[in-house]
Amino acid sequence: MPVYIYDEDAFEKMILVEGEDYRKFKTIQMFGSNSFDCFKNYWDEVVSKIKEDDRKNYWNDSYSPENSPTIYGHHGWNRYAVKYSGEIIFLSSFDSSIDMAFTKRAREIGFRIDIF
């Protein structure tokens, strides 16, 4: 089942991927505009009030940092893109066995995967 930014357990699922140490990176003080809290606040205050059909015009689903907000994973290495629907996508580069392990774990937890 996909993971959405508005799911009550979305951050807990990210911790399952990233590890318990990731809990401290949830706050705005740690990752600024790329933190889960910052993005969740923005979603709740702005994006959720826009009809889903209209979000397509407001929100670009491309996965580059310039075009679509991303939440940083542990130490800022992993990335999670959020689509206009609110679904959180784990972005994988398949650069290393470590990345492949994160990707496998993310898939098992329910995140859809996209390659960048």
C-alpha atoms as a PDB file:
ATOM      1  CA  MET A   1       0.000   0.000   0.000  1.00  0.00           C
ATOM      2  CA  PRO A   2       1.450   3.430  -0.918  1.00  0.00           C
ATOM      3  CA  VAL A   3       2.619   5.852   1.764  1.00  0.00           C
ATOM      4  CA  TYR A   4       1.141   9.370   1.838  1.00  0.00           C
ATOM      5  CA  ILE A   5       2.434  12.518   3.559  1.00  0.00           C
ATOM      6  CA  TYR A   6      -0.870  12.815   5.407  1.00  0.00           C
ATOM      7  CA  ASP A   7      -0.792   9.245   6.786  1.00  0.00           C
ATOM      8  CA  GLU A   8      -0.471   9.273  10.567  1.00  0.00           C
ATOM      9  CA  ASP A   9       2.357   6.742  10.364  1.00  0.00           C
ATOM     10  CA  ALA A  10       4.214   8.176   7.351  1.00  0.00           C
ATOM     11  CA  PHE A  11       7.209   9.347   9.367  1.00  0.00           C
ATOM     12  CA  GLU A  12       7.334   6.089  11.318  1.00  0.00           C
ATOM     13  CA  LYS A  13       7.527   4.232   7.998  1.00  0.00           C
ATOM     14  CA  MET A  14      10.416   6.459   6.962  1.00  0.00           C
ATOM     15  CA  ILE A  15      12.167   5.537  10.223  1.00  0.00           C
ATOM     16  CA  LEU A  16      11.733   1.872   9.331  1.00  0.00           C
ATOM     17  CA  VAL A  17      13.668   2.589   6.137  1.00  0.00           C
ATOM     18  CA  GLU A  18      16.223   5.041   7.526  1.00  0.00           C
ATOM     19  CA  GLY A  19      16.825   3.665  11.016  1.00  0.00           C
ATOM     20  CA  GLU A  20      15.938   4.931  14.490  1.00  0.00           C
ATOM     21  CA  ASP A  21      18.595   7.686  14.380  1.00  0.00           C
ATOM     22  CA  TYR A  22      16.542   9.356  11.646  1.00  0.00           C
ATOM     23  CA  ARG A  23      13.970  10.428  14.241  1.00  0.00           C
ATOM     24  CA  LYS A  24      16.131  13.454  15.161  1.00  0.00           C
ATOM     25  CA  PHE A  25      16.137  14.643  11.522  1.00  0.00           C
ATOM     26  CA  LYS A  26      12.367  15.146  11.439  1.00  0.00           C
ATOM     27  CA  THR A  27      12.541  18.761  12.545  1.00  0.00           C
ATOM     28  CA  ILE A  28      12.937  21.945  10.592  1.00  0.00           C
ATOM     29  CA  GLN A  29      16.079  22.764  12.601  1.00  0.00           C
ATOM     30  CA  MET A  30      17.855  19.723  11.153  1.00  0.00           C
ATOM     31  CA  PHE A  31      16.903  19.761   7.451  1.00  0.00           C
ATOM     32  CA  GLY A  32      15.134  23.083   6.958  1.00  0.00           C
ATOM     33  CA  SER A  33      12.744  23.045   4.010  1.00  0.00           C
ATOM     34  CA  ASN A  34      13.719  19.435   3.264  1.00  0.00           C
ATOM     35  CA  SER A  35      12.592  18.147   6.656  1.00  0.00           C
ATOM     36  CA  PHE A  36       9.511  16.018   7.109  1.00  0.00           C
ATOM     37  CA  ASP A  37       7.987  18.524   9.559  1.00  0.00           C
ATOM     38  CA  CYS A  38       8.460  21.481   7.227  1.00  0.00           C
ATOM     39  CA  PHE A  39       6.931  19.639   4.331  1.00  0.00           C
ATOM     40  CA  LYS A  40       4.055  18.214   6.389  1.00  0.00           C
ATOM     41  CA  ASN A  41       3.232  21.694   7.713  1.00  0.00           C
ATOM     42  CA  TYR A  42       3.247  23.088   4.177  1.00  0.00           C
ATOM     43  CA  TRP A  43       1.044  20.237   3.000  1.00  0.00           C
ATOM     44  CA  ASP A  44      -1.456  20.800   5.818  1.00  0.00           C
ATOM     45  CA  GLU A  45      -1.544  24.589   5.521  1.00  0.00           C
ATOM     46  CA  VAL A  46      -1.407  25.066   1.739  1.00  0.00           C
ATOM     47  CA  VAL A  47      -1.500  22.048  -0.547  1.00  0.00           C
ATOM     48  CA  SER A  48      -4.272  20.084   1.164  1.00  0.00           C
ATOM     49  CA  LYS A  49      -6.621  23.040   0.657  1.00  0.00           C
ATOM     50  CA  ILE A  50      -6.199  22.885  -3.120  1.00  0.00           C
ATOM     51  CA  LYS A  51      -8.515  20.473  -4.928  1.00  0.00           C
ATOM     52  CA  GLU A  52      -6.565  17.433  -6.111  1.00  0.00           C
ATOM     53  CA  ASP A  53      -7.394  18.105  -9.775  1.00  0.00           C
ATOM     54  CA  ASP A  54      -6.018  21.644  -9.430  1.00  0.00           C
ATOM     55  CA  ARG A  55      -2.834  20.452  -7.697  1.00  0.00           C
ATOM     56  CA  LYS A  56      -1.528  19.180 -11.035  1.00  0.00           C
ATOM     57  CA  ASN A  57      -1.216  22.806 -12.150  1.00  0.00           C
ATOM     58  CA  TYR A  58       0.213  23.919  -8.813  1.00  0.00           C
ATOM     59  CA  TRP A  59       2.606  21.056  -8.186  1.00  0.00           C
ATOM     60  CA  ASN A  60       5.142  19.657 -10.632  1.00  0.00           C
ATOM     61  CA  ASP A  61       5.678  15.911 -10.210  1.00  0.00           C
ATOM     62  CA  SER A  62       9.165  15.859 -11.670  1.00  0.00           C
ATOM     63  CA  TYR A  63      11.702  14.610  -9.166  1.00  0.00           C
ATOM     64  CA  SER A  64      14.373  17.283  -9.387  1.00  0.00           C
ATOM     65  CA  PRO A  65      14.874  19.509  -6.330  1.00  0.00           C
ATOM     66  CA  GLU A  66      14.064  22.619  -8.378  1.00  0.00           C
ATOM     67  CA  ASN A  67      10.688  21.282  -9.446  1.00  0.00           C
ATOM     68  CA  SER A  68       9.357  19.078  -6.698  1.00  0.00           C
ATOM     69  CA  PRO A  69       9.929  19.240  -2.977  1.00  0.00           C
ATOM     70  CA  THR A  70      11.903  16.353  -1.579  1.00  0.00           C
ATOM     71  CA  ILE A  71      12.303  15.149   1.965  1.00  0.00           C
ATOM     72  CA  TYR A  72      15.856  14.233   2.870  1.00  0.00           C
ATOM     73  CA  GLY A  73      16.544  10.821   4.311  1.00  0.00           C
ATOM     74  CA  HIS A  74      19.167  10.003   6.925  1.00  0.00           C
ATOM     75  CA  HIS A  75      22.122  12.395   6.678  1.00  0.00           C
ATOM     76  CA  GLY A  76      20.470  13.846   3.579  1.00  0.00           C
ATOM     77  CA  TRP A  77      21.552  10.931   1.390  1.00  0.00           C
ATOM     78  CA  ASN A  78      18.244   9.237   0.544  1.00  0.00           C
ATOM     79  CA  ARG A  79      15.481  11.294  -1.026  1.00  0.00           C
ATOM     80  CA  TYR A  80      11.701  11.062  -0.898  1.00  0.00           C
ATOM     81  CA  ALA A  81       9.655  12.939  -3.502  1.00  0.00           C
ATOM     82  CA  VAL A  82       6.083  13.877  -2.766  1.00  0.00           C
ATOM     83  CA  LYS A  83       3.602  13.797  -5.625  1.00  0.00           C
ATOM     84  CA  TYR A  84       0.657  16.182  -5.940  1.00  0.00           C
ATOM     85  CA  SER A  85      -1.556  13.382  -4.590  1.00  0.00           C
ATOM     86  CA  GLY A  86       0.498  13.352  -1.382  1.00  0.00           C
ATOM     87  CA  GLU A  87       2.114  10.001  -2.115  1.00  0.00           C
ATOM     88  CA  ILE A  88       5.704   9.749  -0.919  1.00  0.00           C
ATOM     89  CA  ILE A  89       8.019   8.066  -3.437  1.00  0.00           C
ATOM     90  CA  PHE A  90      11.445   6.707  -2.459  1.00  0.00           C
ATOM     91  CA  LEU A  91      14.014   7.847  -4.997  1.00  0.00           C
ATOM     92  CA  SER A  92      16.773   5.370  -5.726  1.00  0.00           C
ATOM     93  CA  SER A  93      19.981   5.814  -7.671  1.00  0.00           C
ATOM     94  CA  PHE A  94      21.124   2.169  -7.406  1.00  0.00           C
ATOM     95  CA  ASP A  95      24.666   3.533  -7.037  1.00  0.00           C
ATOM     96  CA  SER A  96      25.772   1.050  -4.430  1.00  0.00           C
ATOM     97  CA  SER A  97      24.825  -2.014  -2.458  1.00  0.00           C
ATOM     98  CA  ILE A  98      23.915   0.300   0.430  1.00  0.00           C
ATOM     99  CA  ASP A  99      21.461   2.191  -1.791  1.00  0.00           C
ATOM    100  CA  MET A 100      20.026  -1.095  -3.026  1.00  0.00           C
ATOM    101  CA  ALA A 101      19.481  -2.206   0.595  1.00  0.00           C
ATOM    102  CA  PHE A 102      17.595   1.025   1.388  1.00  0.00           C
ATOM    103  CA  THR A 103      15.556   0.600  -1.791  1.00  0.00           C
ATOM    104  CA  LYS A 104      14.650  -2.972  -0.928  1.00  0.00           C
ATOM    105  CA  ARG A 105      13.598  -1.985   2.599  1.00  0.00           C
ATOM    106  CA  ALA A 106      11.555   0.982   1.325  1.00  0.00           C
ATOM    107  CA  ARG A 107       9.713  -1.269  -1.125  1.00  0.00           C
ATOM    108  CA  GLU A 108       8.978  -3.840   1.604  1.00  0.00           C
ATOM    109  CA  ILE A 109       7.490  -1.122   3.830  1.00  0.00           C
ATOM    110  CA  GLY A 110       5.203   0.123   1.068  1.00  0.00           C
ATOM    111  CA  PHE A 111       6.960   3.031  -0.633  1.00  0.00           C
ATOM    112  CA  ARG A 112       6.833   3.047  -4.400  1.00  0.00           C
ATOM    113  CA  ILE A 113      10.293   3.416  -5.921  1.00  0.00           C
ATOM    114  CA  ASP A 114      11.462   5.663  -8.712  1.00  0.00           C
ATOM    115  CA  ILE A 115      14.961   5.769 -10.165  1.00  0.00           C
ATOM    116  CA  PHE A 116      16.729   9.076 -10.664  1.00  0.00           C
END
